[in-house]
Structures are given as C-alpha cells and as structure tokens.
PDB file of N, CA and C in Angstrom:
ATOM      1  N   MET A   1      95.211 178.747 174.211  1.00  0.00           N
ATOM      2  CA  MET A   1      94.017 178.926 173.441  1.00  0.00           C
ATOM      3  C   MET A   1      92.826 178.514 174.290  1.00  0.00           C
ATOM      4  N   VAL A   2      91.769 179.310 174.169  1.00  0.00           N
ATOM      5  CA  VAL A   2      90.529 179.007 174.861  1.00  0.00           C
ATOM      6  C   VAL A   2      89.432 178.914 173.815  1.00  0.00           C
ATOM      7  N   ASN A   3      88.706 177.816 173.832  1.00  0.00           N
ATOM      8  CA  ASN A   3      87.544 177.670 172.958  1.00  0.00           C
ATOM      9  C   ASN A   3      86.310 178.037 173.763  1.00  0.00           C
ATOM     10  N   LEU A   4      85.518 178.919 173.208  1.00  0.00           N
ATOM     11  CA  LEU A   4      84.359 179.432 173.910  1.00  0.00           C
ATOM     12  C   LEU A   4      83.096 179.078 173.147  1.00  0.00           C
ATOM     13  N   VAL A   5      82.151 178.489 173.845  1.00  0.00           N
ATOM     14  CA  VAL A   5      80.843 178.218 173.266  1.00  0.00           C
ATOM     15  C   VAL A   5      79.889 179.194 173.946  1.00  0.00           C
ATOM     16  N   ALA A   6      79.354 180.104 173.133  1.00  0.00           N
ATOM     17  CA  ALA A   6      78.493 181.141 173.702  1.00  0.00           C
ATOM     18  C   ALA A   6      77.597 181.704 172.612  1.00  0.00           C
ATOM     19  N   ASP A   7      76.698 182.590 173.026  1.00  0.00           N
ATOM     20  CA  ASP A   7      75.873 183.223 172.009  1.00  0.00           C
ATOM     21  C   ASP A   7      76.707 184.237 171.231  1.00  0.00           C
ATOM     22  N   ARG A   8      76.125 184.764 170.180  1.00  0.00           N
ATOM     23  CA  ARG A   8      76.851 185.625 169.249  1.00  0.00           C
ATOM     24  C   ARG A   8      77.469 186.852 169.936  1.00  0.00           C
ATOM     25  N   ASP A   9      76.723 187.547 170.803  1.00  0.00           N
ATOM     26  CA  ASP A   9      77.231 188.750 171.457  1.00  0.00           C
ATOM     27  C   ASP A   9      78.458 188.458 172.306  1.00  0.00           C
ATOM     28  N   ILE A  10      78.401 187.374 173.066  1.00  0.00           N
ATOM     29  CA  ILE A  10      79.536 187.006 173.915  1.00  0.00           C
ATOM     30  C   ILE A  10      80.732 186.611 173.060  1.00  0.00           C
ATOM     31  N   ALA A  11      80.495 185.829 172.013  1.00  0.00           N
ATOM     32  CA  ALA A  11      81.590 185.407 171.137  1.00  0.00           C
ATOM     33  C   ALA A  11      82.226 186.603 170.442  1.00  0.00           C
ATOM     34  N   GLU A  12      81.434 187.560 169.993  1.00  0.00           N
ATOM     35  CA  GLU A  12      81.992 188.748 169.345  1.00  0.00           C
ATOM     36  C   GLU A  12      82.819 189.574 170.325  1.00  0.00           C
ATOM     37  N   ALA A  13      82.342 189.715 171.558  1.00  0.00           N
ATOM     38  CA  ALA A  13      83.114 190.440 172.570  1.00  0.00           C
ATOM     39  C   ALA A  13      84.425 189.710 172.872  1.00  0.00           C
ATOM     40  N   ALA A  14      84.385 188.393 172.867  1.00  0.00           N
ATOM     41  CA  ALA A  14      85.614 187.607 173.074  1.00  0.00           C
ATOM     42  C   ALA A  14      86.585 187.804 171.920  1.00  0.00           C
ATOM     43  N   HIS A  15      86.077 187.889 170.705  1.00  0.00           N
ATOM     44  CA  HIS A  15      86.947 188.120 169.548  1.00  0.00           C
ATOM     45  C   HIS A  15      87.606 189.495 169.606  1.00  0.00           C
ATOM     46  N   VAL A  16      86.864 190.502 170.034  1.00  0.00           N
ATOM     47  CA  VAL A  16      87.437 191.849 170.179  1.00  0.00           C
ATOM     48  C   VAL A  16      88.551 191.824 171.218  1.00  0.00           C
ATOM     49  N   LEU A  17      88.314 191.157 172.334  1.00  0.00           N
ATOM     50  CA  LEU A  17      89.337 191.037 173.369  1.00  0.00           C
ATOM     51  C   LEU A  17      90.561 190.300 172.837  1.00  0.00           C
ATOM     52  N   ASP A  18      90.341 189.199 172.162  1.00  0.00           N
ATOM     53  CA  ASP A  18      91.446 188.422 171.606  1.00  0.00           C
ATOM     54  C   ASP A  18      92.271 189.257 170.634  1.00  0.00           C
ATOM     55  N   GLU A  19      91.609 190.035 169.802  1.00  0.00           N
ATOM     56  CA  GLU A  19      92.324 190.884 168.846  1.00  0.00           C
ATOM     57  C   GLU A  19      93.203 191.907 169.563  1.00  0.00           C
ATOM     58  N   GLN A  20      92.669 192.524 170.609  1.00  0.00           N
ATOM     59  CA  GLN A  20      93.461 193.516 171.346  1.00  0.00           C
ATOM     60  C   GLN A  20      94.672 192.874 172.027  1.00  0.00           C
ATOM     61  N   ILE A  21      94.497 191.672 172.544  1.00  0.00           N
ATOM     62  CA  ILE A  21      95.627 190.962 173.157  1.00  0.00           C
ATOM     63  C   ILE A  21      96.684 190.668 172.101  1.00  0.00           C
ATOM     64  N   TRP A  22      96.255 190.216 170.921  1.00  0.00           N
ATOM     65  CA  TRP A  22      97.206 189.948 169.832  1.00  0.00           C
ATOM     66  C   TRP A  22      97.954 191.222 169.439  1.00  0.00           C
ATOM     67  N   ARG A  23      97.234 192.332 169.315  1.00  0.00           N
ATOM     68  CA  ARG A  23      97.872 193.591 168.928  1.00  0.00           C
ATOM     69  C   ARG A  23      98.912 194.018 169.964  1.00  0.00           C
ATOM     70  N   LEU A  24      98.551 193.925 171.237  1.00  0.00           N
ATOM     71  CA  LEU A  24      99.483 194.301 172.298  1.00  0.00           C
ATOM     72  C   LEU A  24     100.695 193.374 172.295  1.00  0.00           C
ATOM     73  N   HIS A  25     100.470 192.085 172.236  1.00  0.00           N
ATOM     74  CA  HIS A  25     101.558 191.109 172.249  1.00  0.00           C
ATOM     75  C   HIS A  25     102.528 191.347 171.089  1.00  0.00           C
ATOM     76  N   THR A  26     101.986 191.600 169.902  1.00  0.00           N
ATOM     77  CA  THR A  26     102.829 191.812 168.726  1.00  0.00           C
ATOM     78  C   THR A  26     103.697 193.054 168.891  1.00  0.00           C
ATOM     79  N   LYS A  27     103.126 194.133 169.421  1.00  0.00           N
ATOM     80  CA  LYS A  27     103.896 195.369 169.614  1.00  0.00           C
ATOM     81  C   LYS A  27     104.962 195.195 170.688  1.00  0.00           C
ATOM     82  N   VAL A  28     104.626 194.523 171.762  1.00  0.00           N
ATOM     83  CA  VAL A  28     105.603 194.295 172.837  1.00  0.00           C
ATOM     84  C   VAL A  28     106.729 193.399 172.339  1.00  0.00           C
ATOM     85  N   LYS A  29     106.377 192.378 171.577  1.00  0.00           N
ATOM     86  CA  LYS A  29     107.376 191.434 171.063  1.00  0.00           C
ATOM     87  C   LYS A  29     108.387 192.130 170.156  1.00  0.00           C
ATOM     88  N   ARG A  30     107.937 193.044 169.303  1.00  0.00           N
ATOM     89  CA  ARG A  30     108.860 193.738 168.403  1.00  0.00           C
ATOM     90  C   ARG A  30     109.567 194.894 169.084  1.00  0.00           C
ATOM     91  N   GLY A  31     109.043 195.323 170.224  1.00  0.00           N
ATOM     92  CA  GLY A  31     109.620 196.441 170.958  1.00  0.00           C
ATOM     93  C   GLY A  31     108.795 197.694 170.737  1.00  0.00           C
ATOM     94  N   LEU A  32     108.400 198.329 171.831  1.00  0.00           N
ATOM     95  CA  LEU A  32     107.571 199.523 171.727  1.00  0.00           C
ATOM     96  C   LEU A  32     108.401 200.694 171.213  1.00  0.00           C
ATOM     97  N   THR A  33     107.806 201.486 170.336  1.00  0.00           N
ATOM     98  CA  THR A  33     108.454 202.707 169.864  1.00  0.00           C
ATOM     99  C   THR A  33     108.224 203.792 170.910  1.00  0.00           C
ATOM    100  N   PRO A  34     108.992 204.884 170.854  1.00  0.00           N
ATOM    101  CA  PRO A  34     108.775 205.970 171.825  1.00  0.00           C
ATOM    102  C   PRO A  34     107.358 206.550 171.775  1.00  0.00           C
ATOM    103  N   GLU A  35     106.709 206.447 170.615  1.00  0.00           N
ATOM    104  CA  GLU A  35     105.354 206.989 170.485  1.00  0.00           C
ATOM    105  C   GLU A  35     104.289 206.071 171.096  1.00  0.00           C
ATOM    106  N   GLU A  36     104.646 204.826 171.350  1.00  0.00           N
ATOM    107  CA  GLU A  36     103.676 203.865 171.879  1.00  0.00           C
ATOM    108  C   GLU A  36     103.757 203.833 173.399  1.00  0.00           C
ATOM    109  N   ASN A  37     102.660 204.173 174.029  1.00  0.00           N
ATOM    110  CA  ASN A  37     102.599 204.223 175.484  1.00  0.00           C
ATOM    111  C   ASN A  37     101.998 202.921 176.006  1.00  0.00           C
ATOM    112  N   TRP A  38     102.740 202.261 176.886  1.00  0.00           N
ATOM    113  CA  TRP A  38     102.296 200.974 177.441  1.00  0.00           C
ATOM    114  C   TRP A  38     100.907 201.074 178.062  1.00  0.00           C
ATOM    115  N   PHE A  39     100.673 202.141 178.825  1.00  0.00           N
ATOM    116  CA  PHE A  39      99.401 202.259 179.527  1.00  0.00           C
ATOM    117  C   PHE A  39      98.235 202.448 178.550  1.00  0.00           C
ATOM    118  N   ILE A  40      98.464 203.172 177.478  1.00  0.00           N
ATOM    119  CA  ILE A  40      97.412 203.340 176.471  1.00  0.00           C
ATOM    120  C   ILE A  40      97.143 202.014 175.774  1.00  0.00           C
ATOM    121  N   LEU A  41      98.212 201.322 175.378  1.00  0.00           N
ATOM    122  CA  LEU A  41      98.045 200.027 174.724  1.00  0.00           C
ATOM    123  C   LEU A  41      97.346 199.039 175.653  1.00  0.00           C
ATOM    124  N   ARG A  42      97.754 199.011 176.908  1.00  0.00           N
ATOM    125  CA  ARG A  42      97.151 198.088 177.880  1.00  0.00           C
ATOM    126  C   ARG A  42      95.695 198.461 178.144  1.00  0.00           C
ATOM    127  N   SER A  43      95.398 199.760 178.130  1.00  0.00           N
ATOM    128  CA  SER A  43      94.015 200.179 178.412  1.00  0.00           C
ATOM    129  C   SER A  43      93.056 199.672 177.341  1.00  0.00           C
ATOM    130  N   ARG A  44      93.541 199.497 176.107  1.00  0.00           N
ATOM    131  CA  ARG A  44      92.686 198.952 175.047  1.00  0.00           C
ATOM    132  C   ARG A  44      92.319 197.505 175.350  1.00  0.00           C
ATOM    133  N   VAL A  45      93.263 196.765 175.896  1.00  0.00           N
ATOM    134  CA  VAL A  45      92.977 195.376 176.297  1.00  0.00           C
ATOM    135  C   VAL A  45      91.984 195.382 177.451  1.00  0.00           C
ATOM    136  N   GLU A  46      92.208 196.255 178.418  1.00  0.00           N
ATOM    137  CA  GLU A  46      91.320 196.312 179.573  1.00  0.00           C
ATOM    138  C   GLU A  46      89.917 196.753 179.189  1.00  0.00           C
ATOM    139  N   LEU A  47      89.798 197.676 178.248  1.00  0.00           N
ATOM    140  CA  LEU A  47      88.486 198.101 177.777  1.00  0.00           C
ATOM    141  C   LEU A  47      87.752 196.937 177.118  1.00  0.00           C
ATOM    142  N   ALA A  48      88.455 196.193 176.277  1.00  0.00           N
ATOM    143  CA  ALA A  48      87.845 195.026 175.630  1.00  0.00           C
ATOM    144  C   ALA A  48      87.497 193.957 176.659  1.00  0.00           C
ATOM    145  N   GLN A  49      88.358 193.792 177.666  1.00  0.00           N
ATOM    146  CA  GLN A  49      88.094 192.821 178.728  1.00  0.00           C
ATOM    147  C   GLN A  49      86.834 193.216 179.502  1.00  0.00           C
ATOM    148  N   ASN A  50      86.733 194.484 179.840  1.00  0.00           N
ATOM    149  CA  ASN A  50      85.561 194.960 180.570  1.00  0.00           C
ATOM    150  C   ASN A  50      84.291 194.789 179.740  1.00  0.00           C
ATOM    151  N   SER A  51      84.380 195.081 178.460  1.00  0.00           N
ATOM    152  CA  SER A  51      83.230 194.905 177.574  1.00  0.00           C
ATOM    153  C   SER A  51      82.805 193.444 177.507  1.00  0.00           C
ATOM    154  N   PHE A  52      83.781 192.554 177.422  1.00  0.00           N
ATOM    155  CA  PHE A  52      83.479 191.124 177.408  1.00  0.00           C
ATOM    156  C   PHE A  52      82.768 190.715 178.702  1.00  0.00           C
ATOM    157  N   ILE A  53      83.280 191.165 179.831  1.00  0.00           N
ATOM    158  CA  ILE A  53      82.688 190.804 181.124  1.00  0.00           C
ATOM    159  C   ILE A  53      81.258 191.325 181.226  1.00  0.00           C
ATOM    160  N   VAL A  54      81.049 192.582 180.841  1.00  0.00           N
ATOM    161  CA  VAL A  54      79.712 193.169 180.906  1.00  0.00           C
ATOM    162  C   VAL A  54      78.758 192.418 179.985  1.00  0.00           C
ATOM    163  N   THR A  55      79.208 192.144 178.768  1.00  0.00           N
ATOM    164  CA  THR A  55      78.362 191.416 177.814  1.00  0.00           C
ATOM    165  C   THR A  55      78.005 190.034 178.343  1.00  0.00           C
ATOM    166  N   ALA A  56      78.999 189.313 178.826  1.00  0.00           N
ATOM    167  CA  ALA A  56      78.745 187.968 179.347  1.00  0.00           C
ATOM    168  C   ALA A  56      77.804 188.006 180.541  1.00  0.00           C
ATOM    169  N   ARG A  57      78.012 188.942 181.443  1.00  0.00           N
ATOM    170  CA  ARG A  57      77.139 189.036 182.623  1.00  0.00           C
ATOM    171  C   ARG A  57      75.709 189.383 182.231  1.00  0.00           C
ATOM    172  N   ARG A  58      75.560 190.292 181.272  1.00  0.00           N
ATOM    173  CA  ARG A  58      74.203 190.673 180.846  1.00  0.00           C
ATOM    174  C   ARG A  58      73.481 189.514 180.167  1.00  0.00           C
ATOM    175  N   ARG A  59      74.212 188.757 179.376  1.00  0.00           N
ATOM    176  CA  ARG A  59      73.592 187.656 178.637  1.00  0.00           C
ATOM    177  C   ARG A  59      73.355 186.430 179.522  1.00  0.00           C
ATOM    178  N   LEU A  60      74.240 186.209 180.502  1.00  0.00           N
ATOM    179  CA  LEU A  60      74.157 184.993 181.310  1.00  0.00           C
ATOM    180  C   LEU A  60      73.457 185.195 182.649  1.00  0.00           C
ATOM    181  N   SER A  61      73.492 186.411 183.171  1.00  0.00           N
ATOM    182  CA  SER A  61      72.917 186.657 184.487  1.00  0.00           C
ATOM    183  C   SER A  61      72.317 188.058 184.545  1.00  0.00           C
ATOM    184  N   PRO A  62      71.198 188.264 183.884  1.00  0.00           N
ATOM    185  CA  PRO A  62      70.598 189.600 183.849  1.00  0.00           C
ATOM    186  C   PRO A  62      70.264 190.164 185.233  1.00  0.00           C
ATOM    187  N   ALA A  63      70.020 189.311 186.209  1.00  0.00           N
ATOM    188  CA  ALA A  63      69.640 189.797 187.538  1.00  0.00           C
ATOM    189  C   ALA A  63      70.858 190.083 188.416  1.00  0.00           C
ATOM    190  N   GLY A  64      72.064 189.777 187.948  1.00  0.00           N
ATOM    191  CA  GLY A  64      73.267 189.967 188.747  1.00  0.00           C
ATOM    192  C   GLY A  64      73.559 191.429 189.007  1.00  0.00           C
ATOM    193  N   GLY A  65      74.180 191.684 190.145  1.00  0.00           N
ATOM    194  CA  GLY A  65      74.557 193.050 190.496  1.00  0.00           C
ATOM    195  C   GLY A  65      75.752 193.519 189.681  1.00  0.00           C
ATOM    196  N   SER A  66      75.935 194.822 189.625  1.00  0.00           N
ATOM    197  CA  SER A  66      77.054 195.366 188.858  1.00  0.00           C
ATOM    198  C   SER A  66      78.346 195.278 189.675  1.00  0.00           C
ATOM    199  N   LEU A  67      79.440 195.161 188.965  1.00  0.00           N
ATOM    200  CA  LEU A  67      80.751 195.129 189.607  1.00  0.00           C
ATOM    201  C   LEU A  67      81.328 196.540 189.641  1.00  0.00           C
ATOM    202  N   GLN A  68      82.008 196.872 190.713  1.00  0.00           N
ATOM    203  CA  GLN A  68      82.661 198.173 190.797  1.00  0.00           C
ATOM    204  C   GLN A  68      83.989 198.173 190.054  1.00  0.00           C
ATOM    205  N   ARG A  69      84.649 197.004 190.035  1.00  0.00           N
ATOM    206  CA  ARG A  69      85.927 196.851 189.350  1.00  0.00           C
ATOM    207  C   ARG A  69      85.904 195.546 188.584  1.00  0.00           C
ATOM    208  N   PHE A  70      86.629 195.525 187.467  1.00  0.00           N
ATOM    209  CA  PHE A  70      86.716 194.324 186.665  1.00  0.00           C
ATOM    210  C   PHE A  70      88.073 193.655 186.797  1.00  0.00           C
ATOM    211  N   SER A  71      89.011 194.342 187.429  1.00  0.00           N
ATOM    212  CA  SER A  71      90.372 193.834 187.513  1.00  0.00           C
ATOM    213  C   SER A  71      90.996 194.307 188.814  1.00  0.00           C
ATOM    214  N   GLY A  72      91.931 193.528 189.298  1.00  0.00           N
ATOM    215  CA  GLY A  72      92.671 193.927 190.487  1.00  0.00           C
ATOM    216  C   GLY A  72      93.934 194.699 190.154  1.00  0.00           C
ATOM    217  N   ARG A  73      94.171 194.941 188.872  1.00  0.00           N
ATOM    218  CA  ARG A  73      95.384 195.635 188.430  1.00  0.00           C
ATOM    219  C   ARG A  73      95.385 197.060 188.973  1.00  0.00           C
ATOM    220  N   PRO A  74      96.524 197.489 189.568  1.00  0.00           N
ATOM    221  CA  PRO A  74      96.606 198.852 190.086  1.00  0.00           C
ATOM    222  C   PRO A  74      96.439 199.898 188.980  1.00  0.00           C
ATOM    223  N   ALA A  75      95.944 201.064 189.346  1.00  0.00           N
ATOM    224  CA  ALA A  75      95.731 202.161 188.397  1.00  0.00           C
ATOM    225  C   ALA A  75      97.071 202.624 187.804  1.00  0.00           C
ATOM    226  N   PRO A  76      97.046 203.228 186.614  1.00  0.00           N
ATOM    227  CA  PRO A  76      98.284 203.690 185.980  1.00  0.00           C
ATOM    228  C   PRO A  76      99.095 204.665 186.834  1.00  0.00           C
ATOM    229  N   ASP A  77      98.445 205.445 187.685  1.00  0.00           N
ATOM    230  CA  ASP A  77      99.177 206.396 188.519  1.00  0.00           C
ATOM    231  C   ASP A  77      99.572 205.827 189.887  1.00  0.00           C
ATOM    232  N   ASP A  78      99.357 204.545 190.094  1.00  0.00           N
ATOM    233  CA  ASP A  78      99.735 203.899 191.349  1.00  0.00           C
ATOM    234  C   ASP A  78     101.262 203.898 191.486  1.00  0.00           C
ATOM    235  N   PRO A  79     101.790 204.172 192.683  1.00  0.00           N
ATOM    236  CA  PRO A  79     103.236 204.201 192.893  1.00  0.00           C
ATOM    237  C   PRO A  79     103.952 202.888 192.547  1.00  0.00           C
ATOM    238  N   ILE A  80     103.227 201.787 192.460  1.00  0.00           N
ATOM    239  CA  ILE A  80     103.860 200.511 192.141  1.00  0.00           C
ATOM    240  C   ILE A  80     104.598 200.567 190.805  1.00  0.00           C
ATOM    241  N   TRP A  81     104.118 201.398 189.885  1.00  0.00           N
ATOM    242  CA  TRP A  81     104.716 201.465 188.550  1.00  0.00           C
ATOM    243  C   TRP A  81     105.974 202.318 188.504  1.00  0.00           C
ATOM    244  N   THR A  82     106.209 203.118 189.523  1.00  0.00           N
ATOM    245  CA  THR A  82     107.401 203.975 189.521  1.00  0.00           C
ATOM    246  C   THR A  82     108.419 203.595 190.587  1.00  0.00           C
ATOM    247  N   SER A  83     108.106 202.607 191.397  1.00  0.00           N
ATOM    248  CA  SER A  83     109.056 202.230 192.459  1.00  0.00           C
ATOM    249  C   SER A  83     109.873 201.022 192.086  1.00  0.00           C
TER     250      SER A  83
END
C-alpha cells in the first residue's frame, strides 16, 4: 500500500491507476478466460499509469520536458514475449 499526499488531480489519477491494477490482479488471480487478452488488460494499467505520470508532472513540474517513454516494458510485439 502506498499513501499519497497530493492535490486532487494527482490523487484522482492515482485512484484510476489503483483501480486498474486491482481489476487486472483480480482477473489474473481467478484465471483469464479465452476472451480476455493479457496485453489488452495490461494496456489499461499502462494507460492509467501514463495518465498518472503526465498529471503528476504537469502539476508538480510544469517546466519539465516531455518523456518519450513512460516504461521500460517491451512492446507487445517484441520477440521476448514469444521466445
């Protein structure tokens, strides 16, 4: 658990991220159905994570430069996932 003290926008973005992590964890724990695609489910977490990072950077460091990537995780089509 992480307790975050921040302004409303940052806290709301953190809550969205937390919810997506909970949703993914719950589905993985019960076992993914054939209709549930890991990469799609994971992309929802990554989208919320990116939104949180952008929101926090805008609120805390308006003069900061933009990031080209928010994560070091390889792309879904990277050979690492099939080897």
